[in-house]
């Protein structure tokens, strides 16, 4: 039987203002992502797995803005890449 991880806590979240960014840098060669030369478009989509009601009631964060799964996905800017061999 698999154990479920503990539920997230309010300190597991970051409050972002307009223009703020939270992320990570990925230093990997293009060959790890594409198999041949060509033009590519890269982007990331985030969808919360937590519902609004869970965040408000179970996590006790009623006074903070929260991007719940009901609000849909957030998509990053798209980056165009031209890969040559």
C-alpha atoms as a PDB file:
ATOM      1  CA  UNK A   1       0.000   0.000   0.000  1.00  0.00           C
ATOM      2  CA  UNK A   2       1.302   3.446  -0.922  1.00  0.00           C
ATOM      3  CA  UNK A   3       1.354   6.124   1.748  1.00  0.00           C
ATOM      4  CA  UNK A   4      -0.080   9.481   0.817  1.00  0.00           C
ATOM      5  CA  UNK A   5       2.130  12.492   1.453  1.00  0.00           C
ATOM      6  CA  UNK A   6       0.997  14.869   4.183  1.00  0.00           C
ATOM      7  CA  UNK A   7      -1.356  17.603   3.016  1.00  0.00           C
ATOM      8  CA  UNK A   8       0.283  20.889   2.013  1.00  0.00           C
ATOM      9  CA  UNK A   9       0.654  23.558   4.656  1.00  0.00           C
ATOM     10  CA  UNK A  10       0.232  27.327   4.170  1.00  0.00           C
ATOM     11  CA  UNK A  11       4.036  27.752   4.336  1.00  0.00           C
ATOM     12  CA  UNK A  12       4.335  25.501   1.257  1.00  0.00           C
ATOM     13  CA  UNK A  13       2.952  28.336  -0.900  1.00  0.00           C
ATOM     14  CA  UNK A  14       4.379  31.612  -2.136  1.00  0.00           C
ATOM     15  CA  UNK A  15       2.373  34.792  -2.628  1.00  0.00           C
ATOM     16  CA  UNK A  16       3.362  36.371  -5.953  1.00  0.00           C
ATOM     17  CA  UNK A  17       2.716  39.924  -7.048  1.00  0.00           C
ATOM     18  CA  UNK A  18       2.214  40.844 -10.694  1.00  0.00           C
ATOM     19  CA  UNK A  19       5.512  40.339 -12.511  1.00  0.00           C
ATOM     20  CA  UNK A  20       7.003  38.062  -9.821  1.00  0.00           C
ATOM     21  CA  UNK A  21       8.548  34.748 -10.773  1.00  0.00           C
ATOM     22  CA  UNK A  22       9.231  31.506  -8.940  1.00  0.00           C
ATOM     23  CA  UNK A  23      11.013  28.821 -10.861  1.00  0.00           C
ATOM     24  CA  UNK A  24      14.126  26.854 -11.422  1.00  0.00           C
ATOM     25  CA  UNK A  25      16.927  26.871 -13.936  1.00  0.00           C
ATOM     26  CA  UNK A  26      17.338  23.787 -16.075  1.00  0.00           C
ATOM     27  CA  UNK A  27      20.753  23.363 -17.662  1.00  0.00           C
ATOM     28  CA  UNK A  28      20.257  20.474 -20.059  1.00  0.00           C
ATOM     29  CA  UNK A  29      21.386  20.073 -23.671  1.00  0.00           C
ATOM     30  CA  UNK A  30      18.638  20.364 -26.289  1.00  0.00           C
ATOM     31  CA  UNK A  31      19.254  16.737 -27.297  1.00  0.00           C
ATOM     32  CA  UNK A  32      17.629  15.707 -24.015  1.00  0.00           C
ATOM     33  CA  UNK A  33      14.340  17.174 -25.258  1.00  0.00           C
ATOM     34  CA  UNK A  34      14.328  16.929 -29.042  1.00  0.00           C
ATOM     35  CA  UNK A  35      15.412  14.150 -31.387  1.00  0.00           C
ATOM     36  CA  UNK A  36      16.137  16.092 -34.558  1.00  0.00           C
ATOM     37  CA  UNK A  37      16.952  19.534 -35.910  1.00  0.00           C
ATOM     38  CA  UNK A  38      14.091  21.931 -36.412  1.00  0.00           C
ATOM     39  CA  UNK A  39      12.008  24.725 -34.950  1.00  0.00           C
ATOM     40  CA  UNK A  40      10.393  24.176 -31.563  1.00  0.00           C
ATOM     41  CA  UNK A  41       8.220  26.098 -29.157  1.00  0.00           C
ATOM     42  CA  UNK A  42       8.673  25.447 -25.425  1.00  0.00           C
ATOM     43  CA  UNK A  43       6.266  26.403 -22.641  1.00  0.00           C
ATOM     44  CA  UNK A  44       5.084  25.224 -19.246  1.00  0.00           C
ATOM     45  CA  UNK A  45       1.539  24.796 -17.975  1.00  0.00           C
ATOM     46  CA  UNK A  46       0.653  24.802 -14.268  1.00  0.00           C
ATOM     47  CA  UNK A  47      -2.609  23.397 -12.950  1.00  0.00           C
ATOM     48  CA  UNK A  48      -3.246  23.284  -9.213  1.00  0.00           C
ATOM     49  CA  UNK A  49      -4.343  19.940  -7.836  1.00  0.00           C
ATOM     50  CA  UNK A  50      -6.008  21.590  -4.821  1.00  0.00           C
ATOM     51  CA  UNK A  51      -9.612  22.712  -4.814  1.00  0.00           C
ATOM     52  CA  UNK A  52     -10.683  26.121  -3.555  1.00  0.00           C
ATOM     53  CA  UNK A  53     -12.701  24.606  -0.703  1.00  0.00           C
ATOM     54  CA  UNK A  54      -9.804  22.431   0.473  1.00  0.00           C
ATOM     55  CA  UNK A  55      -7.406  25.357   0.492  1.00  0.00           C
ATOM     56  CA  UNK A  56      -9.834  27.565   2.411  1.00  0.00           C
ATOM     57  CA  UNK A  57     -11.141  25.048   4.942  1.00  0.00           C
ATOM     58  CA  UNK A  58      -8.548  22.331   5.507  1.00  0.00           C
ATOM     59  CA  UNK A  59      -5.469  24.531   5.087  1.00  0.00           C
ATOM     60  CA  UNK A  60      -6.924  27.509   6.955  1.00  0.00           C
ATOM     61  CA  UNK A  61      -5.815  30.143   4.435  1.00  0.00           C
ATOM     62  CA  UNK A  62      -9.070  32.080   3.928  1.00  0.00           C
ATOM     63  CA  UNK A  63      -7.439  35.521   3.625  1.00  0.00           C
ATOM     64  CA  UNK A  64      -4.857  34.719   0.927  1.00  0.00           C
ATOM     65  CA  UNK A  65      -5.397  34.623  -2.843  1.00  0.00           C
ATOM     66  CA  UNK A  66      -5.106  31.085  -4.106  1.00  0.00           C
ATOM     67  CA  UNK A  67      -4.969  29.660  -7.634  1.00  0.00           C
ATOM     68  CA  UNK A  68      -7.170  26.573  -7.265  1.00  0.00           C
ATOM     69  CA  UNK A  69      -7.886  23.890  -9.847  1.00  0.00           C
ATOM     70  CA  UNK A  70     -11.260  25.540 -10.520  1.00  0.00           C
ATOM     71  CA  UNK A  71      -9.428  28.536 -11.988  1.00  0.00           C
ATOM     72  CA  UNK A  72      -7.867  26.423 -14.734  1.00  0.00           C
ATOM     73  CA  UNK A  73      -4.321  26.288 -16.052  1.00  0.00           C
ATOM     74  CA  UNK A  74      -1.689  29.021 -16.093  1.00  0.00           C
ATOM     75  CA  UNK A  75       0.591  28.977 -19.111  1.00  0.00           C
ATOM     76  CA  UNK A  76       4.083  30.446 -19.282  1.00  0.00           C
ATOM     77  CA  UNK A  77       5.412  32.578 -22.084  1.00  0.00           C
ATOM     78  CA  UNK A  78       6.426  30.569 -25.131  1.00  0.00           C
ATOM     79  CA  UNK A  79      10.068  30.341 -26.125  1.00  0.00           C
ATOM     80  CA  UNK A  80      10.957  29.605 -29.740  1.00  0.00           C
ATOM     81  CA  UNK A  81      14.030  27.468 -30.373  1.00  0.00           C
ATOM     82  CA  UNK A  82      15.853  26.672 -33.589  1.00  0.00           C
ATOM     83  CA  UNK A  83      17.892  23.489 -33.118  1.00  0.00           C
ATOM     84  CA  UNK A  84      20.660  22.496 -35.515  1.00  0.00           C
ATOM     85  CA  UNK A  85      22.756  19.349 -35.435  1.00  0.00           C
END
